Structure formats: C-alpha cells, structure tokens
Amino acid sequence: MKHRHWEALEAKVNIKLVDPPANMRTLETNRIFDYGDAIQDLSGQASSEAGLEGMLNKIEEQWQHTEFVILSHRNQKDVYILGATDDIVALLDESLVNIFTIASSRYVGPFQERVDQWKKQLDLFSKTLVSLTYLLQERSQWKPKGNKTTVQSPM
C-alpha cells in the first residue's frame, strides 16, 4: 500500500498506524478489527491502483525503448525514409487499448494526469502515422512524366 492508502486508513479508523508503527495491542485496544470491510476495500483499491500503475509504467517503458528504422533512400546523400512500421503499429494498437483500459477504471485517480497525457500523445502519433502512411501510399502511385510528376488515377 502507498502512503496515501495508509493515510486514508488512519483517517477511517482514527488512529496512527504508520508513524509511530502500531502494535497488536494498539490495534486490539482501538478495535481496528471492527473495520474489516473498510480495510478490505482500501486494500482492494490499493491493489487495483498498483495494477493500473504497472500497466502505465509498461507503456512508458516500451515507448522509451522503441526505435524507428531510418533508411537511406536509394543511396542518396541526406535523403532518408522511414523503414517498416509493423512493430510500431502493433505497439501503438496495444498501447491505445491499454491506456483506454486504464482511463476507464474507477481507480485511475492518482494517475489521471499521466494517463491523459499519454492519451494525447498516442492519439497524435496515431494520426501522424495514418497521415504518413496515406502520403506514402499516394506517393507510390505517382509517375514521373517529363519534368512533371502526375498521380495515376486508381480508376
């Protein structure tokens, strides 16, 4: 349990549990065991928050170590293209599912700001990747014609 959970529990049972640490006699004297349901609820909340935080940390960790493959375009100097993005698209899809799962949980409170930031970043990246993919698909249909470039009609 995090410090915030201990503070909530102390407020509920109206005794100090952490500083100074409570012993069994103090717990019995203050009838702490009468608060079993509240303790169980708080413990469940702490466990759920820990699971969500672990999912969020995993998303952050995966994106910190994700590298984009940049390739030289036709051996031209200072002209580069983005390599295969299949793994990145899979990571993006997985991250979006997980971030929306976290965001929809009633226990997201302590991480709401981080989750909102990740939702924005993933959404922007998704839109950028879709636009880039569209441009690359359109570019593959271009055919040079003299000094001009035209787009071949798909019809």
C-alpha atoms as a PDB file:
ATOM      1  CA  MET A   1       0.000   0.000   0.000  1.00  0.00           C
ATOM      2  CA  LYS A   2       1.148   3.520  -0.789  1.00  0.00           C
ATOM      3  CA  HIS A   3       1.372   6.302   1.753  1.00  0.00           C
ATOM      4  CA  ARG A   4      -1.955   7.759   0.535  1.00  0.00           C
ATOM      5  CA  HIS A   5      -3.691   4.461   1.372  1.00  0.00           C
ATOM      6  CA  TRP A   6      -2.267   4.389   4.886  1.00  0.00           C
ATOM      7  CA  GLU A   7      -3.396   7.991   5.408  1.00  0.00           C
ATOM      8  CA  ALA A   8      -6.912   7.102   4.268  1.00  0.00           C
ATOM      9  CA  LEU A   9      -6.974   4.082   6.565  1.00  0.00           C
ATOM     10  CA  GLU A  10      -5.725   6.138   9.524  1.00  0.00           C
ATOM     11  CA  ALA A  11      -8.471   8.700   8.861  1.00  0.00           C
ATOM     12  CA  LYS A  12     -11.079   5.935   8.722  1.00  0.00           C
ATOM     13  CA  VAL A  13     -10.064   4.202  11.959  1.00  0.00           C
ATOM     14  CA  ASN A  14      -8.941   7.424  13.679  1.00  0.00           C
ATOM     15  CA  ILE A  15      -5.578   6.129  14.947  1.00  0.00           C
ATOM     16  CA  LYS A  16      -1.974   6.361  13.781  1.00  0.00           C
ATOM     17  CA  LEU A  17      -0.829   3.137  12.149  1.00  0.00           C
ATOM     18  CA  VAL A  18       2.449   4.051  10.486  1.00  0.00           C
ATOM     19  CA  ASP A  19       4.222   6.797  12.405  1.00  0.00           C
ATOM     20  CA  PRO A  20       4.725   5.559  15.078  1.00  0.00           C
ATOM     21  CA  PRO A  21       4.058   1.989  13.984  1.00  0.00           C
ATOM     22  CA  ALA A  22       1.072   0.395  15.694  1.00  0.00           C
ATOM     23  CA  ASN A  23       1.485  -2.893  17.531  1.00  0.00           C
ATOM     24  CA  MET A  24      -1.088  -5.637  18.038  1.00  0.00           C
ATOM     25  CA  ARG A  25      -2.163  -4.322  21.459  1.00  0.00           C
ATOM     26  CA  THR A  26      -2.847  -0.863  19.975  1.00  0.00           C
ATOM     27  CA  LEU A  27      -4.857  -2.438  17.160  1.00  0.00           C
ATOM     28  CA  GLU A  28      -6.940  -4.519  19.577  1.00  0.00           C
ATOM     29  CA  THR A  29      -7.443  -1.645  22.009  1.00  0.00           C
ATOM     30  CA  ASN A  30      -8.670   0.625  19.226  1.00  0.00           C
ATOM     31  CA  ARG A  31     -10.924  -2.112  17.811  1.00  0.00           C
ATOM     32  CA  ILE A  32      -9.259  -1.920  14.390  1.00  0.00           C
ATOM     33  CA  PHE A  33     -10.695  -5.307  13.509  1.00  0.00           C
ATOM     34  CA  ASP A  34     -14.196  -3.814  13.561  1.00  0.00           C
ATOM     35  CA  TYR A  35     -13.155  -2.010  10.370  1.00  0.00           C
ATOM     36  CA  GLY A  36     -12.522  -5.195   8.401  1.00  0.00           C
ATOM     37  CA  ASP A  37     -14.718  -4.206   5.453  1.00  0.00           C
ATOM     38  CA  ALA A  38     -13.142  -0.757   5.161  1.00  0.00           C
ATOM     39  CA  ILE A  39      -9.649  -2.261   5.394  1.00  0.00           C
ATOM     40  CA  GLN A  40     -10.519  -4.830   2.747  1.00  0.00           C
ATOM     41  CA  ASP A  41     -11.978  -2.146   0.430  1.00  0.00           C
ATOM     42  CA  LEU A  42      -8.897   0.039   0.810  1.00  0.00           C
ATOM     43  CA  SER A  43      -6.619  -2.915   0.242  1.00  0.00           C
ATOM     44  CA  GLY A  44      -8.536  -3.800  -2.933  1.00  0.00           C
ATOM     45  CA  GLN A  45      -8.264  -0.200  -4.120  1.00  0.00           C
ATOM     46  CA  ALA A  46      -4.512  -0.232  -3.489  1.00  0.00           C
ATOM     47  CA  SER A  47      -4.139  -3.493  -5.423  1.00  0.00           C
ATOM     48  CA  SER A  48      -6.169  -2.185  -8.360  1.00  0.00           C
ATOM     49  CA  GLU A  49      -4.181   1.057  -8.453  1.00  0.00           C
ATOM     50  CA  ALA A  50      -0.932  -0.915  -8.375  1.00  0.00           C
ATOM     51  CA  GLY A  51      -2.087  -2.980 -11.358  1.00  0.00           C
ATOM     52  CA  LEU A  52      -3.035   0.134 -13.327  1.00  0.00           C
ATOM     53  CA  GLU A  53       0.229   1.834 -12.446  1.00  0.00           C
ATOM     54  CA  GLY A  54       2.117  -1.256 -13.620  1.00  0.00           C
ATOM     55  CA  MET A  55       0.278  -1.144 -16.969  1.00  0.00           C
ATOM     56  CA  LEU A  56       1.046   2.561 -17.341  1.00  0.00           C
ATOM     57  CA  ASN A  57       4.715   2.040 -16.460  1.00  0.00           C
ATOM     58  CA  LYS A  58       4.915  -0.748 -19.050  1.00  0.00           C
ATOM     59  CA  ILE A  59       3.519   1.564 -21.755  1.00  0.00           C
ATOM     60  CA  GLU A  60       6.062   4.228 -20.843  1.00  0.00           C
ATOM     61  CA  GLU A  61       8.920   1.712 -20.764  1.00  0.00           C
ATOM     62  CA  GLN A  62       8.043   0.239 -24.160  1.00  0.00           C
ATOM     63  CA  TRP A  63       7.933   3.636 -25.861  1.00  0.00           C
ATOM     64  CA  GLN A  64      11.200   4.756 -24.244  1.00  0.00           C
ATOM     65  CA  HIS A  65      12.968   1.851 -25.945  1.00  0.00           C
ATOM     66  CA  THR A  66      11.162   1.954 -29.283  1.00  0.00           C
ATOM     67  CA  GLU A  67      13.361   2.939 -32.179  1.00  0.00           C
ATOM     68  CA  PHE A  68      12.296   3.873 -35.656  1.00  0.00           C
ATOM     69  CA  VAL A  69      14.213   2.367 -38.554  1.00  0.00           C
ATOM     70  CA  ILE A  70      15.511   5.131 -40.803  1.00  0.00           C
ATOM     71  CA  LEU A  71      16.926   4.051 -44.168  1.00  0.00           C
ATOM     72  CA  SER A  72      18.914   5.854 -46.798  1.00  0.00           C
ATOM     73  CA  HIS A  73      16.707   6.480 -49.833  1.00  0.00           C
ATOM     74  CA  ARG A  74      18.246   4.958 -52.954  1.00  0.00           C
ATOM     75  CA  ASN A  75      21.731   5.675 -51.614  1.00  0.00           C
ATOM     76  CA  GLN A  76      21.096   9.402 -51.952  1.00  0.00           C
ATOM     77  CA  LYS A  77      23.004  11.699 -49.647  1.00  0.00           C
ATOM     78  CA  ASP A  78      20.854  13.319 -46.941  1.00  0.00           C
ATOM     79  CA  VAL A  79      17.635  11.652 -48.135  1.00  0.00           C
ATOM     80  CA  TYR A  80      16.085   9.194 -45.708  1.00  0.00           C
ATOM     81  CA  ILE A  81      12.883   7.217 -45.449  1.00  0.00           C
ATOM     82  CA  LEU A  82      11.087   5.514 -42.603  1.00  0.00           C
ATOM     83  CA  GLY A  83      11.585   1.744 -42.571  1.00  0.00           C
ATOM     84  CA  ALA A  84       8.966  -0.870 -41.753  1.00  0.00           C
ATOM     85  CA  THR A  85       6.472   0.238 -39.128  1.00  0.00           C
ATOM     86  CA  ASP A  86       4.644  -3.048 -38.481  1.00  0.00           C
ATOM     87  CA  ASP A  87       6.087  -3.468 -34.976  1.00  0.00           C
ATOM     88  CA  ILE A  88       5.416   0.178 -34.161  1.00  0.00           C
ATOM     89  CA  VAL A  89       1.804  -0.073 -35.331  1.00  0.00           C
ATOM     90  CA  ALA A  90       1.333  -3.203 -33.199  1.00  0.00           C
ATOM     91  CA  LEU A  91       2.814  -1.400 -30.175  1.00  0.00           C
ATOM     92  CA  LEU A  92       0.610   1.620 -30.848  1.00  0.00           C
ATOM     93  CA  ASP A  93      -2.518  -0.544 -31.025  1.00  0.00           C
ATOM     94  CA  GLU A  94      -1.608  -2.369 -27.816  1.00  0.00           C
ATOM     95  CA  SER A  95      -0.787   0.901 -26.057  1.00  0.00           C
ATOM     96  CA  LEU A  96      -4.074   2.503 -27.098  1.00  0.00           C
ATOM     97  CA  VAL A  97      -6.082  -0.460 -25.822  1.00  0.00           C
ATOM     98  CA  ASN A  98      -4.186  -0.435 -22.519  1.00  0.00           C
ATOM     99  CA  ILE A  99      -4.352   3.336 -21.999  1.00  0.00           C
ATOM    100  CA  PHE A 100      -8.113   3.361 -22.588  1.00  0.00           C
ATOM    101  CA  THR A 101      -8.497   0.406 -20.222  1.00  0.00           C
ATOM    102  CA  ILE A 102      -6.607   2.339 -17.562  1.00  0.00           C
ATOM    103  CA  ALA A 103      -8.568   5.534 -18.275  1.00  0.00           C
ATOM    104  CA  SER A 104     -11.900   3.746 -17.899  1.00  0.00           C
ATOM    105  CA  SER A 105     -11.055   2.329 -14.485  1.00  0.00           C
ATOM    106  CA  ARG A 106     -12.582   3.886 -11.391  1.00  0.00           C
ATOM    107  CA  TYR A 107      -9.148   3.640  -9.754  1.00  0.00           C
ATOM    108  CA  VAL A 108      -7.348   5.877 -12.284  1.00  0.00           C
ATOM    109  CA  GLY A 109      -7.483   8.921  -9.962  1.00  0.00           C
ATOM    110  CA  PRO A 110      -3.854   9.020  -8.785  1.00  0.00           C
ATOM    111  CA  PHE A 111      -2.578   8.663 -12.377  1.00  0.00           C
ATOM    112  CA  GLN A 112      -5.234  10.660 -14.236  1.00  0.00           C
ATOM    113  CA  GLU A 113      -2.826  13.371 -15.385  1.00  0.00           C
ATOM    114  CA  ARG A 114      -0.269  10.869 -16.724  1.00  0.00           C
ATOM    115  CA  VAL A 115      -2.999   8.861 -18.448  1.00  0.00           C
ATOM    116  CA  ASP A 116      -4.477  11.969 -20.090  1.00  0.00           C
ATOM    117  CA  GLN A 117      -1.022  12.973 -21.336  1.00  0.00           C
ATOM    118  CA  TRP A 118      -0.414   9.517 -22.803  1.00  0.00           C
ATOM    119  CA  LYS A 119      -3.846   9.504 -24.451  1.00  0.00           C
ATOM    120  CA  LYS A 120      -2.984  12.800 -26.161  1.00  0.00           C
ATOM    121  CA  GLN A 121       0.460  11.645 -27.227  1.00  0.00           C
ATOM    122  CA  LEU A 122      -0.742   8.297 -28.575  1.00  0.00           C
ATOM    123  CA  ASP A 123      -3.643   9.938 -30.395  1.00  0.00           C
ATOM    124  CA  LEU A 124      -1.329  12.487 -32.031  1.00  0.00           C
ATOM    125  CA  PHE A 125       1.142   9.770 -33.002  1.00  0.00           C
ATOM    126  CA  SER A 126      -1.662   7.624 -34.401  1.00  0.00           C
ATOM    127  CA  LYS A 127      -2.948  10.491 -36.548  1.00  0.00           C
ATOM    128  CA  THR A 128       0.585  11.286 -37.711  1.00  0.00           C
ATOM    129  CA  LEU A 129       1.284   7.672 -38.627  1.00  0.00           C
ATOM    130  CA  VAL A 130      -2.011   7.356 -40.513  1.00  0.00           C
ATOM    131  CA  SER A 131      -1.252  10.559 -42.442  1.00  0.00           C
ATOM    132  CA  LEU A 132       2.267   9.424 -43.223  1.00  0.00           C
ATOM    133  CA  THR A 133       1.040   6.025 -44.388  1.00  0.00           C
ATOM    134  CA  TYR A 134      -1.542   7.699 -46.615  1.00  0.00           C
ATOM    135  CA  LEU A 135       1.090  10.002 -48.140  1.00  0.00           C
ATOM    136  CA  LEU A 136       3.437   7.105 -48.786  1.00  0.00           C
ATOM    137  CA  GLN A 137       0.654   5.121 -50.476  1.00  0.00           C
ATOM    138  CA  GLU A 138      -0.253   8.098 -52.641  1.00  0.00           C
ATOM    139  CA  ARG A 139       3.390   8.714 -53.500  1.00  0.00           C
ATOM    140  CA  SER A 140       3.770   5.136 -54.702  1.00  0.00           C
ATOM    141  CA  GLN A 141       1.127   5.900 -57.351  1.00  0.00           C
ATOM    142  CA  TRP A 142       2.993   8.932 -58.719  1.00  0.00           C
ATOM    143  CA  LYS A 143       4.621   8.531 -62.105  1.00  0.00           C
ATOM    144  CA  PRO A 144       7.210  10.963 -63.447  1.00  0.00           C
ATOM    145  CA  LYS A 145       6.134  12.496 -66.751  1.00  0.00           C
ATOM    146  CA  GLY A 146       8.782  14.655 -68.353  1.00  0.00           C
ATOM    147  CA  ASN A 147       9.715  17.326 -65.822  1.00  0.00           C
ATOM    148  CA  LYS A 148       6.375  16.952 -64.022  1.00  0.00           C
ATOM    149  CA  THR A 149       5.048  14.422 -61.599  1.00  0.00           C
ATOM    150  CA  THR A 150       1.485  13.204 -62.004  1.00  0.00           C
ATOM    151  CA  VAL A 151      -0.678  10.995 -59.893  1.00  0.00           C
ATOM    152  CA  GLN A 152      -2.013   7.893 -61.573  1.00  0.00           C
ATOM    153  CA  SER A 153      -5.739   7.587 -61.097  1.00  0.00           C
ATOM    154  CA  PRO A 154      -6.789   4.431 -59.238  1.00  0.00           C
ATOM    155  CA  MET A 155      -9.741   4.057 -61.647  1.00  0.00           C
END
